[in-house]
Amino acid sequence: MSGSRHRRMEAVRLRKENQIYSADEKRALAMFNYEERSKREKKILSQVRHTNYSHPQVMLCASHNFIYKNIALK
């Protein structure tokens, strides 16, 4: 190969390698974010369950929002 053609082929090869590495990095980052989100959700749910047992007037909706029932305190 001539010099300029070799440089072009090398540049194409490097770009393709970088695309592959960036795809792998994106995949790894997405997996890491998913695991961290799962950990946070488990922690929050365990706190809510504890709160539900200690304070029965607190209820958790499907949308993960807290709703306080209107209970007349005596």
PDB file of N, CA and C in Angstrom:
ATOM      1  N   MET A   1       0.839  -1.183   0.000  1.00  0.00           N
ATOM      2  CA  MET A   1       0.000   0.000   0.000  1.00  0.00           C
ATOM      3  C   MET A   1       0.880   1.241   0.000  1.00  0.00           C
ATOM      4  N   SER A   2       0.352   2.241  -0.650  1.00  0.00           N
ATOM      5  CA  SER A   2       1.076   3.504  -0.615  1.00  0.00           C
ATOM      6  C   SER A   2       0.873   4.136   0.754  1.00  0.00           C
ATOM      7  N   GLY A   3       1.646   5.153   1.062  1.00  0.00           N
ATOM      8  CA  GLY A   3       1.604   5.786   2.384  1.00  0.00           C
ATOM      9  C   GLY A   3       0.268   6.412   2.727  1.00  0.00           C
ATOM     10  N   SER A   4      -0.336   7.139   1.765  1.00  0.00           N
ATOM     11  CA  SER A   4      -1.596   7.820   2.075  1.00  0.00           C
ATOM     12  C   SER A   4      -2.741   6.814   2.241  1.00  0.00           C
ATOM     13  N   ARG A   5      -2.719   5.758   1.429  1.00  0.00           N
ATOM     14  CA  ARG A   5      -3.764   4.755   1.551  1.00  0.00           C
ATOM     15  C   ARG A   5      -3.623   4.020   2.892  1.00  0.00           C
ATOM     16  N   HIS A   6      -2.418   3.759   3.297  1.00  0.00           N
ATOM     17  CA  HIS A   6      -2.185   3.092   4.581  1.00  0.00           C
ATOM     18  C   HIS A   6      -2.711   3.952   5.743  1.00  0.00           C
ATOM     19  N   ARG A   7      -2.459   5.246   5.682  1.00  0.00           N
ATOM     20  CA  ARG A   7      -2.949   6.155   6.744  1.00  0.00           C
ATOM     21  C   ARG A   7      -4.476   6.177   6.785  1.00  0.00           C
ATOM     22  N   ARG A   8      -5.105   6.192   5.610  1.00  0.00           N
ATOM     23  CA  ARG A   8      -6.576   6.182   5.574  1.00  0.00           C
ATOM     24  C   ARG A   8      -7.126   4.883   6.152  1.00  0.00           C
ATOM     25  N   MET A   9      -6.562   3.758   5.762  1.00  0.00           N
ATOM     26  CA  MET A   9      -7.026   2.466   6.278  1.00  0.00           C
ATOM     27  C   MET A   9      -6.817   2.380   7.795  1.00  0.00           C
ATOM     28  N   GLU A  10      -5.699   2.890   8.251  1.00  0.00           N
ATOM     29  CA  GLU A  10      -5.427   2.905   9.686  1.00  0.00           C
ATOM     30  C   GLU A  10      -6.444   3.784  10.421  1.00  0.00           C
ATOM     31  N   ALA A  11      -6.782   4.927   9.844  1.00  0.00           N
ATOM     32  CA  ALA A  11      -7.765   5.823  10.454  1.00  0.00           C
ATOM     33  C   ALA A  11      -9.138   5.154  10.516  1.00  0.00           C
ATOM     34  N   VAL A  12      -9.526   4.457   9.457  1.00  0.00           N
ATOM     35  CA  VAL A  12     -10.812   3.756   9.441  1.00  0.00           C
ATOM     36  C   VAL A  12     -10.807   2.658  10.499  1.00  0.00           C
ATOM     37  N   ARG A  13      -9.738   1.916  10.589  1.00  0.00           N
ATOM     38  CA  ARG A  13      -9.645   0.849  11.573  1.00  0.00           C
ATOM     39  C   ARG A  13      -9.750   1.411  12.994  1.00  0.00           C
ATOM     40  N   LEU A  14      -9.085   2.505  13.274  1.00  0.00           N
ATOM     41  CA  LEU A  14      -9.142   3.115  14.603  1.00  0.00           C
ATOM     42  C   LEU A  14     -10.539   3.623  14.935  1.00  0.00           C
ATOM     43  N   ARG A  15     -11.224   4.220  13.948  1.00  0.00           N
ATOM     44  CA  ARG A  15     -12.591   4.696  14.191  1.00  0.00           C
ATOM     45  C   ARG A  15     -13.515   3.532  14.533  1.00  0.00           C
ATOM     46  N   LYS A  16     -13.373   2.420  13.786  1.00  0.00           N
ATOM     47  CA  LYS A  16     -14.211   1.253  14.063  1.00  0.00           C
ATOM     48  C   LYS A  16     -13.924   0.684  15.449  1.00  0.00           C
ATOM     49  N   GLU A  17     -12.655   0.636  15.825  1.00  0.00           N
ATOM     50  CA  GLU A  17     -12.298   0.156  17.165  1.00  0.00           C
ATOM     51  C   GLU A  17     -12.900   1.055  18.235  1.00  0.00           C
ATOM     52  N   ASN A  18     -12.839   2.352  18.026  1.00  0.00           N
ATOM     53  CA  ASN A  18     -13.395   3.289  19.002  1.00  0.00           C
ATOM     54  C   ASN A  18     -14.907   3.148  19.117  1.00  0.00           C
ATOM     55  N   GLN A  19     -15.584   2.872  18.004  1.00  0.00           N
ATOM     56  CA  GLN A  19     -17.026   2.661  18.041  1.00  0.00           C
ATOM     57  C   GLN A  19     -17.365   1.421  18.863  1.00  0.00           C
ATOM     58  N   ILE A  20     -16.586   0.369  18.679  1.00  0.00           N
ATOM     59  CA  ILE A  20     -16.825  -0.867  19.430  1.00  0.00           C
ATOM     60  C   ILE A  20     -16.588  -0.630  20.911  1.00  0.00           C
ATOM     61  N   TYR A  21     -15.470   0.040  21.250  1.00  0.00           N
ATOM     62  CA  TYR A  21     -15.177   0.302  22.651  1.00  0.00           C
ATOM     63  C   TYR A  21     -16.238   1.196  23.274  1.00  0.00           C
ATOM     64  N   SER A  22     -16.681   2.206  22.553  1.00  0.00           N
ATOM     65  CA  SER A  22     -17.689   3.095  23.124  1.00  0.00           C
ATOM     66  C   SER A  22     -19.017   2.355  23.322  1.00  0.00           C
ATOM     67  N   ALA A  23     -19.360   1.430  22.443  1.00  0.00           N
ATOM     68  CA  ALA A  23     -20.579   0.643  22.611  1.00  0.00           C
ATOM     69  C   ALA A  23     -20.459  -0.252  23.844  1.00  0.00           C
ATOM     70  N   ASP A  24     -19.293  -0.865  24.035  1.00  0.00           N
ATOM     71  CA  ASP A  24     -19.079  -1.694  25.222  1.00  0.00           C
ATOM     72  C   ASP A  24     -19.135  -0.855  26.490  1.00  0.00           C
ATOM     73  N   GLU A  25     -18.545   0.329  26.443  1.00  0.00           N
ATOM     74  CA  GLU A  25     -18.561   1.213  27.605  1.00  0.00           C
ATOM     75  C   GLU A  25     -19.990   1.668  27.918  1.00  0.00           C
ATOM     76  N   LYS A  26     -20.763   1.983  26.876  1.00  0.00           N
ATOM     77  CA  LYS A  26     -22.157   2.383  27.086  1.00  0.00           C
ATOM     78  C   LYS A  26     -22.945   1.244  27.715  1.00  0.00           C
ATOM     79  N   ARG A  27     -22.724   0.032  27.235  1.00  0.00           N
ATOM     80  CA  ARG A  27     -23.423  -1.127  27.772  1.00  0.00           C
ATOM     81  C   ARG A  27     -23.059  -1.337  29.244  1.00  0.00           C
ATOM     82  N   ALA A  28     -21.760  -1.223  29.563  1.00  0.00           N
ATOM     83  CA  ALA A  28     -21.325  -1.391  30.945  1.00  0.00           C
ATOM     84  C   ALA A  28     -21.886  -0.293  31.842  1.00  0.00           C
ATOM     85  N   LEU A  29     -21.900   0.930  31.344  1.00  0.00           N
ATOM     86  CA  LEU A  29     -22.438   2.040  32.125  1.00  0.00           C
ATOM     87  C   LEU A  29     -23.941   1.869  32.363  1.00  0.00           C
ATOM     88  N   ALA A  30     -24.662   1.410  31.355  1.00  0.00           N
ATOM     89  CA  ALA A  30     -26.099   1.183  31.511  1.00  0.00           C
ATOM     90  C   ALA A  30     -26.357   0.095  32.549  1.00  0.00           C
ATOM     91  N   MET A  31     -25.552  -0.963  32.543  1.00  0.00           N
ATOM     92  CA  MET A  31     -25.711  -2.032  33.524  1.00  0.00           C
ATOM     93  C   MET A  31     -25.406  -1.518  34.928  1.00  0.00           C
ATOM     94  N   PHE A  32     -24.358  -0.728  35.056  1.00  0.00           N
ATOM     95  CA  PHE A  32     -24.001  -0.145  36.353  1.00  0.00           C
ATOM     96  C   PHE A  32     -25.127   0.743  36.867  1.00  0.00           C
ATOM     97  N   ASN A  33     -25.669   1.593  36.005  1.00  0.00           N
ATOM     98  CA  ASN A  33     -26.769   2.477  36.411  1.00  0.00           C
ATOM     99  C   ASN A  33     -27.997   1.673  36.819  1.00  0.00           C
ATOM    100  N   TYR A  34     -28.290   0.605  36.105  1.00  0.00           N
ATOM    101  CA  TYR A  34     -29.434  -0.242  36.437  1.00  0.00           C
ATOM    102  C   TYR A  34     -29.256  -0.872  37.821  1.00  0.00           C
ATOM    103  N   GLU A  35     -28.057  -1.371  38.091  1.00  0.00           N
ATOM    104  CA  GLU A  35     -27.794  -1.993  39.392  1.00  0.00           C
ATOM    105  C   GLU A  35     -27.889  -0.976  40.521  1.00  0.00           C
ATOM    106  N   GLU A  36     -27.351   0.224  40.307  1.00  0.00           N
ATOM    107  CA  GLU A  36     -27.412   1.260  41.337  1.00  0.00           C
ATOM    108  C   GLU A  36     -28.864   1.683  41.590  1.00  0.00           C
ATOM    109  N   ARG A  37     -29.648   1.828  40.533  1.00  0.00           N
ATOM    110  CA  ARG A  37     -31.054   2.194  40.678  1.00  0.00           C
ATOM    111  C   ARG A  37     -31.802   1.106  41.456  1.00  0.00           C
ATOM    112  N   SER A  38     -31.499  -0.159  41.154  1.00  0.00           N
ATOM    113  CA  SER A  38     -32.144  -1.259  41.861  1.00  0.00           C
ATOM    114  C   SER A  38     -31.802  -1.228  43.344  1.00  0.00           C
ATOM    115  N   LYS A  39     -30.550  -0.947  43.669  1.00  0.00           N
ATOM    116  CA  LYS A  39     -30.138  -0.856  45.073  1.00  0.00           C
ATOM    117  C   LYS A  39     -30.897   0.259  45.793  1.00  0.00           C
ATOM    118  N   ARG A  40     -30.989   1.423  45.138  1.00  0.00           N
ATOM    119  CA  ARG A  40     -31.707   2.547  45.754  1.00  0.00           C
ATOM    120  C   ARG A  40     -33.177   2.211  45.970  1.00  0.00           C
ATOM    121  N   GLU A  41     -33.805   1.579  44.964  1.00  0.00           N
ATOM    122  CA  GLU A  41     -35.214   1.226  45.080  1.00  0.00           C
ATOM    123  C   GLU A  41     -35.437   0.220  46.202  1.00  0.00           C
ATOM    124  N   LYS A  42     -34.548  -0.777  46.323  1.00  0.00           N
ATOM    125  CA  LYS A  42     -34.683  -1.756  47.398  1.00  0.00           C
ATOM    126  C   LYS A  42     -34.554  -1.085  48.755  1.00  0.00           C
ATOM    127  N   LYS A  43     -33.621  -0.160  48.870  1.00  0.00           N
ATOM    128  CA  LYS A  43     -33.428   0.547  50.133  1.00  0.00           C
ATOM    129  C   LYS A  43     -34.678   1.358  50.484  1.00  0.00           C
ATOM    130  N   ILE A  44     -35.216   2.074  49.503  1.00  0.00           N
ATOM    131  CA  ILE A  44     -36.405   2.897  49.736  1.00  0.00           C
ATOM    132  C   ILE A  44     -37.596   2.013  50.102  1.00  0.00           C
ATOM    133  N   LEU A  45     -37.772   0.906  49.382  1.00  0.00           N
ATOM    134  CA  LEU A  45     -38.891   0.011  49.672  1.00  0.00           C
ATOM    135  C   LEU A  45     -38.778  -0.599  51.059  1.00  0.00           C
ATOM    136  N   SER A  46     -37.567  -0.948  51.475  1.00  0.00           N
ATOM    137  CA  SER A  46     -37.416  -1.494  52.824  1.00  0.00           C
ATOM    138  C   SER A  46     -37.740  -0.431  53.869  1.00  0.00           C
ATOM    139  N   GLN A  47     -37.363   0.827  53.604  1.00  0.00           N
ATOM    140  CA  GLN A  47     -37.701   1.901  54.525  1.00  0.00           C
ATOM    141  C   GLN A  47     -39.213   2.108  54.580  1.00  0.00           C
ATOM    142  N   VAL A  48     -39.863   2.029  53.441  1.00  0.00           N
ATOM    143  CA  VAL A  48     -41.313   2.215  53.388  1.00  0.00           C
ATOM    144  C   VAL A  48     -42.014   1.076  54.130  1.00  0.00           C
ATOM    145  N   ARG A  49     -41.536  -0.153  53.924  1.00  0.00           N
ATOM    146  CA  ARG A  49     -42.142  -1.283  54.633  1.00  0.00           C
ATOM    147  C   ARG A  49     -42.001  -1.111  56.139  1.00  0.00           C
ATOM    148  N   HIS A  50     -40.834  -0.671  56.562  1.00  0.00           N
ATOM    149  CA  HIS A  50     -40.616  -0.419  57.985  1.00  0.00           C
ATOM    150  C   HIS A  50     -41.560   0.677  58.474  1.00  0.00           C
ATOM    151  N   THR A  51     -41.710   1.729  57.686  1.00  0.00           N
ATOM    152  CA  THR A  51     -42.609   2.827  58.050  1.00  0.00           C
ATOM    153  C   THR A  51     -44.050   2.338  58.110  1.00  0.00           C
ATOM    154  N   ASN A  52     -44.443   1.471  57.176  1.00  0.00           N
ATOM    155  CA  ASN A  52     -45.808   0.952  57.163  1.00  0.00           C
ATOM    156  C   ASN A  52     -46.100   0.131  58.411  1.00  0.00           C
ATOM    157  N   TYR A  53     -45.116  -0.610  58.864  1.00  0.00           N
ATOM    158  CA  TYR A  53     -45.334  -1.418  60.059  1.00  0.00           C
ATOM    159  C   TYR A  53     -45.373  -0.560  61.316  1.00  0.00           C
ATOM    160  N   SER A  54     -44.569   0.479  61.364  1.00  0.00           N
ATOM    161  CA  SER A  54     -44.523   1.298  62.566  1.00  0.00           C
ATOM    162  C   SER A  54     -45.578   2.405  62.559  1.00  0.00           C
ATOM    163  N   HIS A  55     -46.037   2.830  61.374  1.00  0.00           N
ATOM    164  CA  HIS A  55     -47.046   3.876  61.238  1.00  0.00           C
ATOM    165  C   HIS A  55     -48.094   3.405  60.240  1.00  0.00           C
ATOM    166  N   PRO A  56     -49.152   2.753  60.711  1.00  0.00           N
ATOM    167  CA  PRO A  56     -50.115   2.171  59.757  1.00  0.00           C
ATOM    168  C   PRO A  56     -50.910   3.187  58.959  1.00  0.00           C
ATOM    169  N   GLN A  57     -50.871   4.465  59.313  1.00  0.00           N
ATOM    170  CA  GLN A  57     -51.636   5.442  58.548  1.00  0.00           C
ATOM    171  C   GLN A  57     -50.939   5.829  57.249  1.00  0.00           C
ATOM    172  N   VAL A  58     -49.722   5.329  57.008  1.00  0.00           N
ATOM    173  CA  VAL A  58     -48.989   5.649  55.784  1.00  0.00           C
ATOM    174  C   VAL A  58     -49.193   4.514  54.789  1.00  0.00           C
ATOM    175  N   MET A  59     -49.520   4.864  53.558  1.00  0.00           N
ATOM    176  CA  MET A  59     -49.785   3.873  52.535  1.00  0.00           C
ATOM    177  C   MET A  59     -48.943   4.214  51.307  1.00  0.00           C
ATOM    178  N   LEU A  60     -48.489   3.208  50.600  1.00  0.00           N
ATOM    179  CA  LEU A  60     -47.685   3.414  49.402  1.00  0.00           C
ATOM    180  C   LEU A  60     -48.515   3.066  48.180  1.00  0.00           C
ATOM    181  N   CYS A  61     -48.622   4.011  47.240  1.00  0.00           N
ATOM    182  CA  CYS A  61     -49.363   3.781  45.996  1.00  0.00           C
ATOM    183  C   CYS A  61     -48.474   3.055  44.996  1.00  0.00           C
ATOM    184  N   ALA A  62     -49.065   2.617  43.914  1.00  0.00           N
ATOM    185  CA  ALA A  62     -48.318   1.946  42.858  1.00  0.00           C
ATOM    186  C   ALA A  62     -47.309   2.887  42.220  1.00  0.00           C
ATOM    187  N   SER A  63     -47.569   4.176  42.280  1.00  0.00           N
ATOM    188  CA  SER A  63     -46.649   5.134  41.670  1.00  0.00           C
ATOM    189  C   SER A  63     -45.550   5.540  42.628  1.00  0.00           C
ATOM    190  N   HIS A  64     -45.413   4.835  43.756  1.00  0.00           N
ATOM    191  CA  HIS A  64     -44.372   5.072  44.757  1.00  0.00           C
ATOM    192  C   HIS A  64     -44.482   6.435  45.413  1.00  0.00           C
ATOM    193  N   ASN A  65     -45.662   6.970  45.507  1.00  0.00           N
ATOM    194  CA  ASN A  65     -45.883   8.231  46.213  1.00  0.00           C
ATOM    195  C   ASN A  65     -46.530   7.919  47.551  1.00  0.00           C
ATOM    196  N   PHE A  66     -46.140   8.673  48.553  1.00  0.00           N
ATOM    197  CA  PHE A  66     -46.720   8.479  49.873  1.00  0.00           C
ATOM    198  C   PHE A  66     -48.069   9.164  49.952  1.00  0.00           C
ATOM    199  N   ILE A  67     -49.012   8.490  50.526  1.00  0.00           N
ATOM    200  CA  ILE A  67     -50.321   9.078  50.760  1.00  0.00           C
ATOM    201  C   ILE A  67     -50.651   8.840  52.227  1.00  0.00           C
ATOM    202  N   TYR A  68     -51.037   9.865  52.889  1.00  0.00           N
ATOM    203  CA  TYR A  68     -51.421   9.764  54.296  1.00  0.00           C
ATOM    204  C   TYR A  68     -52.936   9.688  54.364  1.00  0.00           C
ATOM    205  N   LYS A  69     -53.434   8.655  55.010  1.00  0.00           N
ATOM    206  CA  LYS A  69     -54.873   8.523  55.180  1.00  0.00           C
ATOM    207  C   LYS A  69     -55.353   9.540  56.215  1.00  0.00           C
ATOM    208  N   ASN A  70     -56.548   9.985  56.049  1.00  0.00           N
ATOM    209  CA  ASN A  70     -57.137  10.916  56.998  1.00  0.00           C
ATOM    210  C   ASN A  70     -57.701  10.117  58.174  1.00  0.00           C
ATOM    211  N   ILE A  71     -56.897  10.019  59.203  1.00  0.00           N
ATOM    212  CA  ILE A  71     -57.309   9.309  60.397  1.00  0.00           C
ATOM    213  C   ILE A  71     -57.455  10.327  61.507  1.00  0.00           C
ATOM    214  N   ALA A  72     -58.633  10.343  62.109  1.00  0.00           N
ATOM    215  CA  ALA A  72     -58.869  11.278  63.204  1.00  0.00           C
ATOM    216  C   ALA A  72     -58.123  10.790  64.435  1.00  0.00           C
ATOM    217  N   LEU A  73     -57.252  11.617  64.945  1.00  0.00           N
ATOM    218  CA  LEU A  73     -56.498  11.273  66.142  1.00  0.00           C
ATOM    219  C   LEU A  73     -57.355  11.540  67.364  1.00  0.00           C
ATOM    220  N   LYS A  74     -57.362  10.629  68.267  1.00  0.00           N
ATOM    221  CA  LYS A  74     -58.174  10.785  69.483  1.00  0.00           C
ATOM    222  C   LYS A  74     -57.382  11.425  70.591  1.00  0.00           C
TER     223      LYS A  74
END
